[in-house]
Amino acid sequence: MQIKAELAGNLWKIVVREGQQVQADETLMILESMKMEIPVTAPSAGRVAKIHAREGETVQEGQLLIEVD
């Protein structure tokens, strides 16, 4: 499943790595927007297949961030 940015901001921190097993609602990344930290969470349990963004990168609303199988 593809997880996309819900809003524009900076990718402040990536908490997981490719190949890692994650649980539903586990934080995968943290976006920073307007001085607020917004967690990007896994909608369901799975394995991180691919990370499409880098820490410090500016992301746009709707941009693909991470894929979870």
N, C-alpha and C. Protein backbone atom coordinates (compact mmCIF):
# COMPACT_ATOMS: atom_id res chain seq x y z
N MET A 1 0.84 -1.17 0.00
CA MET A 1 0.00 0.00 0.00
C MET A 1 0.88 1.23 0.00
N GLN A 2 0.46 2.23 -0.73
CA GLN A 2 1.23 3.47 -0.85
C GLN A 2 0.74 4.47 0.20
N ILE A 3 1.68 5.08 0.89
CA ILE A 3 1.34 6.09 1.89
C ILE A 3 1.87 7.42 1.38
N LYS A 4 0.96 8.39 1.27
CA LYS A 4 1.30 9.69 0.69
C LYS A 4 1.20 10.78 1.75
N ALA A 5 1.88 11.88 1.50
CA ALA A 5 1.85 13.02 2.42
C ALA A 5 0.46 13.64 2.43
N GLU A 6 -0.07 13.88 3.62
CA GLU A 6 -1.38 14.50 3.74
C GLU A 6 -1.30 16.01 3.63
N LEU A 7 -0.08 16.56 3.77
CA LEU A 7 0.11 17.99 3.66
C LEU A 7 1.54 18.28 3.27
N ALA A 8 1.78 19.50 2.83
CA ALA A 8 3.14 19.92 2.45
C ALA A 8 3.94 20.23 3.71
N GLY A 9 5.22 19.92 3.69
CA GLY A 9 6.08 20.21 4.83
C GLY A 9 7.45 19.62 4.62
N ASN A 10 8.22 19.55 5.69
CA ASN A 10 9.56 18.97 5.65
C ASN A 10 9.52 17.59 6.29
N LEU A 11 10.21 16.64 5.68
CA LEU A 11 10.33 15.32 6.28
C LEU A 11 11.40 15.42 7.35
N TRP A 12 10.97 15.53 8.59
CA TRP A 12 11.87 15.78 9.70
C TRP A 12 12.63 14.52 10.11
N LYS A 13 11.91 13.37 10.19
CA LYS A 13 12.58 12.16 10.67
C LYS A 13 11.92 10.92 10.07
N ILE A 14 12.75 9.96 9.67
CA ILE A 14 12.28 8.64 9.25
C ILE A 14 12.57 7.69 10.40
N VAL A 15 11.54 7.03 10.89
CA VAL A 15 11.65 6.19 12.08
C VAL A 15 11.92 4.73 11.74
N VAL A 16 11.55 4.30 10.53
CA VAL A 16 11.68 2.90 10.13
C VAL A 16 12.72 2.75 9.02
N ARG A 17 13.02 1.52 8.66
CA ARG A 17 13.95 1.24 7.56
C ARG A 17 13.28 0.23 6.62
N GLU A 18 13.77 0.17 5.40
CA GLU A 18 13.23 -0.78 4.43
C GLU A 18 13.42 -2.20 4.95
N GLY A 19 12.39 -3.03 4.77
CA GLY A 19 12.43 -4.42 5.22
C GLY A 19 11.90 -4.62 6.63
N GLN A 20 11.68 -3.54 7.36
CA GLN A 20 11.22 -3.63 8.74
C GLN A 20 9.74 -3.98 8.81
N GLN A 21 9.36 -4.86 9.74
CA GLN A 21 7.96 -5.17 9.99
C GLN A 21 7.37 -4.05 10.85
N VAL A 22 6.16 -3.62 10.52
CA VAL A 22 5.49 -2.57 11.29
C VAL A 22 4.08 -3.02 11.65
N GLN A 23 3.56 -2.45 12.71
CA GLN A 23 2.21 -2.73 13.18
C GLN A 23 1.27 -1.62 12.73
N ALA A 24 -0.02 -1.89 12.74
CA ALA A 24 -1.01 -0.86 12.42
C ALA A 24 -0.84 0.31 13.37
N ASP A 25 -0.94 1.52 12.86
CA ASP A 25 -0.83 2.77 13.61
C ASP A 25 0.58 3.07 14.13
N GLU A 26 1.58 2.29 13.74
CA GLU A 26 2.96 2.57 14.13
C GLU A 26 3.47 3.78 13.34
N THR A 27 4.20 4.66 14.00
CA THR A 27 4.76 5.83 13.33
C THR A 27 5.89 5.40 12.41
N LEU A 28 5.81 5.86 11.14
CA LEU A 28 6.82 5.54 10.14
C LEU A 28 7.76 6.71 9.91
N MET A 29 7.19 7.91 9.88
CA MET A 29 7.93 9.14 9.61
C MET A 29 7.28 10.27 10.40
N ILE A 30 8.01 11.38 10.51
CA ILE A 30 7.45 12.57 11.14
C ILE A 30 7.66 13.75 10.20
N LEU A 31 6.56 14.38 9.82
CA LEU A 31 6.61 15.58 8.99
C LEU A 31 6.57 16.80 9.90
N GLU A 32 7.20 17.87 9.48
CA GLU A 32 7.15 19.14 10.22
C GLU A 32 6.51 20.16 9.29
N SER A 33 5.45 20.77 9.78
CA SER A 33 4.74 21.78 9.00
C SER A 33 4.22 22.84 9.95
N MET A 34 4.52 24.07 9.66
CA MET A 34 4.08 25.21 10.49
C MET A 34 4.42 25.00 11.96
N LYS A 35 5.66 24.52 12.20
CA LYS A 35 6.22 24.29 13.54
C LYS A 35 5.47 23.21 14.32
N MET A 36 4.73 22.37 13.62
CA MET A 36 4.05 21.24 14.26
C MET A 36 4.64 19.95 13.72
N GLU A 37 4.73 18.93 14.56
CA GLU A 37 5.21 17.61 14.14
C GLU A 37 3.99 16.73 13.88
N ILE A 38 3.90 16.18 12.66
CA ILE A 38 2.77 15.37 12.26
C ILE A 38 3.27 13.96 11.95
N PRO A 39 2.84 12.95 12.74
CA PRO A 39 3.30 11.59 12.47
C PRO A 39 2.62 11.02 11.23
N VAL A 40 3.38 10.26 10.46
CA VAL A 40 2.85 9.48 9.34
C VAL A 40 2.83 8.04 9.84
N THR A 41 1.64 7.44 9.92
CA THR A 41 1.51 6.12 10.53
C THR A 41 1.10 5.06 9.52
N ALA A 42 1.36 3.82 9.87
CA ALA A 42 0.98 2.68 9.02
C ALA A 42 -0.51 2.42 9.19
N PRO A 43 -1.27 2.35 8.09
CA PRO A 43 -2.70 2.08 8.19
C PRO A 43 -2.99 0.64 8.62
N SER A 44 -2.05 -0.27 8.36
CA SER A 44 -2.21 -1.67 8.77
C SER A 44 -0.82 -2.28 8.95
N ALA A 45 -0.78 -3.46 9.54
CA ALA A 45 0.49 -4.15 9.75
C ALA A 45 1.07 -4.58 8.40
N GLY A 46 2.40 -4.65 8.32
CA GLY A 46 3.05 -5.09 7.09
C GLY A 46 4.54 -4.90 7.16
N ARG A 47 5.18 -4.91 5.99
CA ARG A 47 6.62 -4.76 5.88
C ARG A 47 6.91 -3.53 5.04
N VAL A 48 7.87 -2.71 5.49
CA VAL A 48 8.25 -1.52 4.73
C VAL A 48 8.97 -2.00 3.47
N ALA A 49 8.35 -1.75 2.31
CA ALA A 49 8.91 -2.21 1.04
C ALA A 49 9.88 -1.19 0.45
N LYS A 50 9.51 0.08 0.47
CA LYS A 50 10.34 1.12 -0.17
C LYS A 50 10.06 2.46 0.48
N ILE A 51 11.11 3.20 0.77
CA ILE A 51 11.02 4.57 1.27
C ILE A 51 11.35 5.49 0.10
N HIS A 52 10.44 6.41 -0.22
CA HIS A 52 10.59 7.25 -1.41
C HIS A 52 11.05 8.68 -1.11
N ALA A 53 11.32 8.99 0.14
CA ALA A 53 11.73 10.36 0.50
C ALA A 53 12.93 10.27 1.45
N ARG A 54 13.61 11.40 1.61
CA ARG A 54 14.79 11.47 2.49
C ARG A 54 14.56 12.48 3.60
N GLU A 55 15.19 12.24 4.73
CA GLU A 55 15.11 13.21 5.84
C GLU A 55 15.60 14.56 5.35
N GLY A 56 14.90 15.61 5.76
CA GLY A 56 15.26 16.97 5.39
C GLY A 56 14.65 17.43 4.09
N GLU A 57 14.06 16.52 3.34
CA GLU A 57 13.45 16.85 2.05
C GLU A 57 12.11 17.56 2.26
N THR A 58 11.81 18.52 1.40
CA THR A 58 10.50 19.15 1.39
C THR A 58 9.57 18.28 0.57
N VAL A 59 8.41 17.95 1.14
CA VAL A 59 7.44 17.11 0.43
C VAL A 59 6.17 17.91 0.17
N GLN A 60 5.47 17.51 -0.88
CA GLN A 60 4.23 18.17 -1.26
C GLN A 60 3.04 17.28 -0.90
N GLU A 61 1.89 17.90 -0.70
CA GLU A 61 0.67 17.15 -0.43
C GLU A 61 0.44 16.14 -1.55
N GLY A 62 0.17 14.89 -1.20
CA GLY A 62 -0.08 13.85 -2.18
C GLY A 62 1.15 13.13 -2.68
N GLN A 63 2.34 13.58 -2.26
CA GLN A 63 3.59 12.93 -2.69
C GLN A 63 3.74 11.57 -2.03
N LEU A 64 4.17 10.57 -2.81
CA LEU A 64 4.41 9.24 -2.27
C LEU A 64 5.61 9.27 -1.32
N LEU A 65 5.40 8.79 -0.10
CA LEU A 65 6.46 8.79 0.90
C LEU A 65 7.04 7.41 1.13
N ILE A 66 6.16 6.41 1.25
CA ILE A 66 6.60 5.09 1.67
C ILE A 66 5.60 4.04 1.18
N GLU A 67 6.09 2.84 0.93
CA GLU A 67 5.22 1.74 0.55
C GLU A 67 5.34 0.65 1.60
N VAL A 68 4.20 0.10 2.01
CA VAL A 68 4.15 -0.98 3.00
C VAL A 68 3.40 -2.14 2.35
N ASP A 69 4.00 -3.34 2.38
CA ASP A 69 3.34 -4.56 1.84
C ASP A 69 2.52 -5.22 2.92
